[in-house]
Amino acid sequence: MRSMTGFGQASWQGKGCKINVEVRSVNQRFLEARFSLPREYVALEPDLRERLQAVVARGKVDITVTRSGVSETDYAVEVNTRLARAYLDGWRKLQTTLRVDGTIDLASVFARPDIIRVVERRREPTVELRQVHQVFRRALQAFTREREREGAALSRDMQQRTTHLAALQKRLRARSAAAIPDLAQRLRQRVESAAAGVNVAPERLAQEVAMLASRSDVTEELVRLDSHLTAMRDCLRRREPVGKRIDFLLQEIHREVNTVASKSNDLEITNLTLEARGEIEKLREQVQNVE
C-alpha cells in the first residue's frame, strides 16, 4: 500500500551547471501531474510524464525541475564587421568632404549601436538531458520510498481497525442469535396481551410472531459484512493501488451495519453498530490518503 502524499528530491552537479528535481504530491481522486521545466528541457516532458505514470496511479503531483549555474562558454561576443567598416568609411568620407583633421579609435567604433553584442551560445544539451532523466529517476525513487513508508503506517492502522470491525461482527452475530428468541418471546407476550379475551388460534399466533421476528433477523447482513471485511484484509495486503477498492468496500460495510442497526430493537446490538460506525468513519478518513 502507498500513500498519495509524498516528497522526493535529487540533484546533479556538473561543470558550470546544477540540475535539481523535486516531486511532491497531495490527495486527489485521479492522477494530475503538473510539470515546471526550464525552457531547455520542455521537450522532455512527455517522456518524464510517461515515467511518472508508470509508478503513480492517483494524486495531484507537482514536478519541478530547475537548472542553475552558467559557465563562461555559455556566452559569445559577436562583432558586426561590415557595419563597423561602413562606419569607418563614412567617417573618412565626411573628414575628406569637410576637410577636418582628427582620428577615430576602436572604442569610438564599439560605442556605436549594433557593432558589438553579447549572445548566448547554443549549448550542446546531450549530457544535461541525459542527466535530467537520471536525476528524475532518483527523485521518483525517493518519492516512492516516502509514499511506501507512509502507506505502511496507514496499512497498520487500517488493519487494526478492520480487525476490530471483524470482532464486532462476531459479537453482533452472537448477540443476534440470542436476541431472536428473546424478541420472539416478547412479541408473543405483546400479542397475547393485546388479544386478551379474543380467541386466537395458536398456529396463527405462532405464524405472526415468526413473521415479525424474521423482519429483525440480520443473518444475511452479517454474512455479507463478514465477506466485505475479508475482502478488506486482502486489499490491505496488496502492493498495487487499492484506494478505490477499499473506498467501495467501506461503502458496502457501512450499508450493512446501517441495515443491522435499523432492523434491530436490541440495545446491545445498537451499541455495537454505533461502535462499528465509529471505526468505519475513521477508515473512510484514512482511505482518502491511500493510492
Protein backbone atom coordinates (compact mmCIF):
# COMPACT_ATOMS: atom_id res chain seq x y z
CA MET A 1 0.00 0.00 0.00
CA ARG A 2 1.18 3.50 -0.83
CA SER A 3 0.10 6.90 0.38
CA MET A 4 -0.97 9.53 -2.12
CA THR A 5 1.12 12.14 -0.32
CA GLY A 6 4.89 12.18 -0.60
CA PHE A 7 8.03 14.09 -1.48
CA GLY A 8 11.22 13.17 -3.33
CA GLN A 9 14.25 15.19 -4.36
CA ALA A 10 17.50 14.58 -6.25
CA SER A 11 20.18 16.72 -7.89
CA TRP A 12 23.26 16.62 -10.09
CA GLN A 13 26.25 18.99 -10.19
CA GLY A 14 28.25 19.28 -13.39
CA LYS A 15 30.70 21.77 -14.87
CA GLY A 16 29.03 25.14 -14.54
CA CYS A 17 25.58 23.59 -14.12
CA LYS A 18 23.37 22.14 -11.38
CA ILE A 19 20.12 20.27 -12.02
CA ASN A 20 17.59 19.76 -9.23
CA VAL A 21 14.33 17.78 -9.38
CA GLU A 22 11.56 17.81 -6.78
CA VAL A 23 8.46 15.61 -6.84
CA ARG A 24 5.66 16.23 -4.35
CA SER A 25 2.04 15.10 -4.22
CA VAL A 26 -1.22 15.55 -2.31
CA ASN A 27 -4.51 13.67 -2.27
CA GLN A 28 -6.72 13.65 -5.32
CA ARG A 29 -9.22 11.15 -6.71
CA PHE A 30 -7.46 10.88 -10.08
CA LEU A 31 -3.91 11.48 -11.32
CA GLU A 32 -3.00 15.05 -12.19
CA ALA A 33 0.63 15.82 -12.99
CA ARG A 34 1.97 19.36 -13.39
CA PHE A 35 5.49 19.95 -14.72
CA SER A 36 7.60 23.06 -14.26
CA LEU A 37 10.65 22.82 -16.54
CA PRO A 38 13.34 25.20 -17.82
CA ARG A 39 12.83 26.01 -21.48
CA GLU A 40 15.86 23.88 -22.38
CA TYR A 41 14.09 20.79 -21.04
CA VAL A 42 10.50 21.35 -22.21
CA ALA A 43 10.84 18.69 -24.89
CA LEU A 44 11.45 16.10 -22.16
CA GLU A 45 8.01 16.48 -20.57
CA PRO A 46 6.20 13.68 -22.50
CA ASP A 47 8.88 11.16 -21.54
CA LEU A 48 9.00 12.31 -17.91
CA ARG A 49 5.21 12.16 -17.72
CA GLU A 50 5.23 8.60 -19.03
CA ARG A 51 7.78 7.59 -16.38
CA LEU A 52 5.67 9.20 -13.66
CA GLN A 53 2.50 7.42 -14.77
CA ALA A 54 4.33 4.10 -14.54
CA VAL A 55 4.70 4.47 -10.75
CA VAL A 56 1.82 6.77 -9.71
CA ALA A 57 -1.88 5.95 -10.13
CA ARG A 58 -3.63 8.70 -8.17
CA GLY A 59 -2.88 12.08 -6.63
CA LYS A 60 -2.05 15.63 -7.58
CA VAL A 61 1.67 15.59 -8.39
CA ASP A 62 3.90 18.63 -8.91
CA ILE A 63 7.27 18.08 -10.61
CA THR A 64 9.74 20.97 -10.52
CA VAL A 65 12.99 20.81 -12.48
CA THR A 66 15.44 23.68 -12.04
CA ARG A 67 18.79 24.43 -13.66
CA SER A 68 21.27 26.84 -12.09
CA GLY A 69 24.80 27.98 -12.84
CA VAL A 70 26.26 29.33 -16.08
CA SER A 71 29.72 28.53 -17.44
CA GLU A 72 31.96 31.09 -19.22
CA THR A 73 31.46 29.33 -22.52
CA ASP A 74 27.71 29.92 -22.40
CA TYR A 75 28.10 33.40 -23.94
CA ALA A 76 29.86 34.73 -27.02
CA VAL A 77 30.72 38.21 -28.32
CA GLU A 78 29.69 38.89 -31.92
CA VAL A 79 31.14 41.81 -33.91
CA ASN A 80 29.34 43.20 -36.96
CA THR A 81 32.48 43.78 -39.05
CA ARG A 82 30.63 45.01 -42.13
CA LEU A 83 28.78 47.65 -40.14
CA ALA A 84 32.00 48.74 -38.40
CA ARG A 85 33.70 49.11 -41.81
CA ALA A 86 30.76 51.16 -43.06
CA TYR A 87 31.05 53.47 -40.06
CA LEU A 88 34.77 53.96 -40.72
CA ASP A 89 34.23 54.57 -44.44
CA GLY A 90 31.55 57.10 -43.65
CA TRP A 91 33.78 58.88 -41.15
CA ARG A 92 36.64 59.10 -43.62
CA LYS A 93 34.35 60.38 -46.37
CA LEU A 94 32.96 63.03 -44.05
CA GLN A 95 36.51 64.00 -43.00
CA THR A 96 37.52 64.48 -46.65
CA THR A 97 34.41 66.39 -47.56
CA LEU A 98 34.63 68.77 -44.64
CA ARG A 99 38.47 68.91 -44.73
CA VAL A 100 38.83 68.40 -40.99
CA ASP A 101 41.58 66.70 -39.05
CA GLY A 102 41.10 64.01 -36.43
CA THR A 103 41.29 60.31 -35.74
CA ILE A 104 38.81 57.63 -34.72
CA ASP A 105 39.77 54.91 -32.27
CA LEU A 106 38.40 51.40 -31.63
CA ALA A 107 36.45 52.48 -28.57
CA SER A 108 34.58 55.03 -30.65
CA VAL A 109 33.62 52.36 -33.17
CA PHE A 110 32.48 49.90 -30.48
CA ALA A 111 30.34 52.60 -28.91
CA ARG A 112 28.15 52.69 -31.99
CA PRO A 113 24.87 50.68 -31.77
CA ASP A 114 24.81 47.18 -33.25
CA ILE A 115 28.57 46.97 -33.75
CA ILE A 116 29.11 44.55 -30.91
CA ARG A 117 26.65 42.40 -28.97
CA VAL A 118 26.75 39.57 -26.45
CA VAL A 119 24.76 36.49 -27.38
CA GLU A 120 24.06 33.23 -25.59
CA ARG A 121 25.64 30.31 -27.36
CA ARG A 122 23.59 27.29 -28.18
CA ARG A 123 24.97 24.69 -25.83
CA GLU A 124 25.06 21.02 -26.67
CA PRO A 125 22.34 19.67 -24.30
CA THR A 126 23.03 15.94 -24.72
CA VAL A 127 24.84 15.46 -21.41
CA GLU A 128 22.40 17.62 -19.49
CA LEU A 129 19.34 15.93 -20.96
CA ARG A 130 20.73 12.55 -20.04
CA GLN A 131 21.34 13.80 -16.51
CA VAL A 132 17.79 15.15 -16.26
CA HIS A 133 16.48 11.62 -16.86
CA GLN A 134 18.83 10.20 -14.23
CA VAL A 135 18.01 12.84 -11.63
CA PHE A 136 14.28 12.47 -12.28
CA ARG A 137 14.58 8.70 -11.83
CA ARG A 138 16.32 9.12 -8.45
CA ALA A 139 13.78 11.74 -7.33
CA LEU A 140 10.96 9.33 -8.24
CA GLN A 141 12.64 6.56 -6.24
CA ALA A 142 12.87 8.81 -3.18
CA PHE A 143 9.27 9.89 -3.74
CA THR A 144 8.11 6.26 -3.92
CA ARG A 145 10.01 5.29 -0.76
CA GLU A 146 8.35 8.11 1.15
CA ARG A 147 4.89 7.09 -0.09
CA GLU A 148 5.56 3.46 0.83
CA ARG A 149 6.74 4.45 4.31
CA GLU A 150 3.59 6.46 4.96
CA GLY A 151 1.49 3.77 3.27
CA ALA A 152 2.86 1.14 5.65
CA ALA A 153 1.73 3.25 8.61
CA LEU A 154 -1.71 3.69 7.05
CA SER A 155 -1.92 -0.04 6.41
CA ARG A 156 -1.12 -0.91 10.03
CA ASP A 157 -3.77 1.46 11.33
CA MET A 158 -6.39 0.24 8.87
CA GLN A 159 -5.61 -3.41 9.60
CA GLN A 160 -6.16 -2.79 13.31
CA ARG A 161 -9.48 -1.10 12.66
CA THR A 162 -10.56 -3.86 10.28
CA THR A 163 -9.68 -6.44 12.92
CA HIS A 164 -11.78 -4.50 15.42
CA LEU A 165 -14.70 -4.47 12.95
CA ALA A 166 -14.34 -8.23 12.49
CA ALA A 167 -14.52 -8.67 16.27
CA LEU A 168 -17.64 -6.51 16.39
CA GLN A 169 -19.17 -8.57 13.58
CA LYS A 170 -18.68 -11.73 15.64
CA ARG A 171 -20.27 -10.11 18.67
CA LEU A 172 -23.19 -8.93 16.54
CA ARG A 173 -23.66 -12.43 15.18
CA ALA A 174 -23.62 -13.95 18.67
CA ARG A 175 -25.96 -11.33 20.08
CA SER A 176 -28.39 -11.51 17.14
CA ALA A 177 -28.62 -15.31 17.57
CA ALA A 178 -29.56 -14.81 21.21
CA ALA A 179 -31.79 -11.81 20.56
CA ILE A 180 -34.15 -13.55 18.12
CA PRO A 181 -35.65 -15.98 20.70
CA ASP A 182 -35.89 -13.14 23.21
CA LEU A 183 -37.60 -10.96 20.62
CA ALA A 184 -39.99 -13.75 19.69
CA GLN A 185 -40.92 -14.22 23.35
CA ARG A 186 -41.55 -10.50 23.84
CA LEU A 187 -43.65 -10.36 20.69
CA ARG A 188 -45.69 -13.34 21.79
CA GLN A 189 -46.37 -11.73 25.14
CA ARG A 190 -47.39 -8.46 23.50
CA VAL A 191 -49.71 -10.19 21.05
CA GLU A 192 -51.29 -12.27 23.79
CA SER A 193 -51.75 -9.17 25.92
CA ALA A 194 -53.27 -7.21 23.06
CA ALA A 195 -55.56 -10.12 22.16
CA ALA A 196 -56.70 -10.77 25.73
CA GLY A 197 -60.26 -12.09 25.69
CA VAL A 198 -60.04 -12.85 21.97
CA ASN A 199 -59.87 -16.41 20.76
CA VAL A 200 -56.66 -16.61 18.67
CA ALA A 201 -55.55 -19.89 17.17
CA PRO A 202 -52.09 -20.91 18.49
CA GLU A 203 -50.93 -21.66 14.93
CA ARG A 204 -51.93 -18.20 13.78
CA LEU A 205 -50.22 -16.60 16.77
CA ALA A 206 -47.03 -18.54 16.13
CA GLN A 207 -47.10 -17.55 12.45
CA GLU A 208 -47.45 -13.84 13.21
CA VAL A 209 -44.71 -13.92 15.84
CA ALA A 210 -42.38 -15.78 13.47
CA MET A 211 -43.04 -13.26 10.70
CA LEU A 212 -42.35 -10.28 12.97
CA ALA A 213 -39.18 -11.93 14.31
CA SER A 214 -37.92 -12.67 10.79
CA ARG A 215 -38.04 -8.97 9.96
CA SER A 216 -35.46 -8.41 12.68
CA ASP A 217 -33.21 -11.22 11.50
CA VAL A 218 -29.82 -9.78 10.39
CA THR A 219 -28.12 -13.04 9.45
CA GLU A 220 -27.78 -12.12 5.75
CA GLU A 221 -26.38 -8.69 6.55
CA LEU A 222 -23.79 -10.14 8.93
CA VAL A 223 -22.74 -12.75 6.34
CA ARG A 224 -22.19 -10.01 3.75
CA LEU A 225 -20.39 -7.89 6.33
CA ASP A 226 -18.00 -10.76 7.04
CA SER A 227 -17.37 -11.15 3.30
CA HIS A 228 -16.59 -7.44 2.89
CA LEU A 229 -14.20 -7.49 5.84
CA THR A 230 -12.38 -10.47 4.34
CA ALA A 231 -12.00 -8.52 1.09
CA MET A 232 -10.73 -5.53 3.08
CA ARG A 233 -8.00 -7.60 4.71
CA ASP A 234 -6.97 -8.91 1.30
CA CYS A 235 -6.74 -5.36 -0.11
CA LEU A 236 -4.61 -4.19 2.80
CA ARG A 237 -2.02 -6.87 1.98
CA ARG A 238 -1.66 -5.83 -1.66
CA ARG A 239 1.10 -3.62 -3.08
CA GLU A 240 -0.78 -2.28 -6.11
CA PRO A 241 -3.14 0.74 -5.84
CA VAL A 242 -6.17 -0.29 -3.75
CA GLY A 243 -7.64 3.03 -2.56
CA LYS A 244 -10.69 2.96 -4.85
CA ARG A 245 -11.42 -0.68 -3.99
CA ILE A 246 -11.20 -0.01 -0.25
CA ASP A 247 -13.42 3.05 -0.61
CA PHE A 248 -16.06 0.91 -2.32
CA LEU A 249 -15.82 -1.82 0.34
CA LEU A 250 -16.25 0.73 3.12
CA GLN A 251 -19.45 1.95 1.47
CA GLU A 252 -20.76 -1.63 1.46
CA ILE A 253 -19.64 -2.26 5.04
CA HIS A 254 -21.36 0.94 6.16
CA ARG A 255 -24.56 -0.09 4.36
CA GLU A 256 -24.67 -3.50 6.08
CA VAL A 257 -24.02 -2.02 9.53
CA ASN A 258 -26.76 0.57 8.99
CA THR A 259 -29.20 -2.15 7.96
CA VAL A 260 -28.37 -4.20 11.05
CA ALA A 261 -28.95 -1.13 13.24
CA SER A 262 -32.27 -0.29 11.59
CA LYS A 263 -33.66 -3.85 11.80
CA SER A 264 -32.74 -4.46 15.42
CA ASN A 265 -34.61 -3.40 18.55
CA ASP A 266 -31.90 -4.76 20.81
CA LEU A 267 -29.91 -2.24 22.88
CA GLU A 268 -26.67 -4.24 22.80
CA ILE A 269 -26.83 -4.59 19.01
CA THR A 270 -27.49 -0.85 18.71
CA ASN A 271 -24.41 -0.07 20.81
CA LEU A 272 -22.26 -2.47 18.79
CA THR A 273 -23.35 -0.87 15.50
CA LEU A 274 -22.57 2.59 16.88
CA GLU A 275 -19.07 1.41 17.73
CA ALA A 276 -18.70 -0.11 14.26
CA ARG A 277 -19.81 3.15 12.61
CA GLY A 278 -17.09 4.99 14.50
CA GLU A 279 -14.42 2.64 13.13
CA ILE A 280 -15.85 2.87 9.61
CA GLU A 281 -15.71 6.67 9.73
CA LYS A 282 -12.05 6.59 10.78
CA LEU A 283 -11.30 4.14 7.97
CA ARG A 284 -13.02 6.45 5.50
CA GLU A 285 -10.77 9.29 6.61
CA GLN A 286 -7.66 7.14 6.23
CA VAL A 287 -8.53 5.79 2.79
CA GLN A 288 -8.55 9.35 1.43
CA ASN A 289 -4.73 9.14 1.71
CA VAL A 290 -4.39 5.75 0.02
CA GLU A 291 -3.35 5.48 -3.62
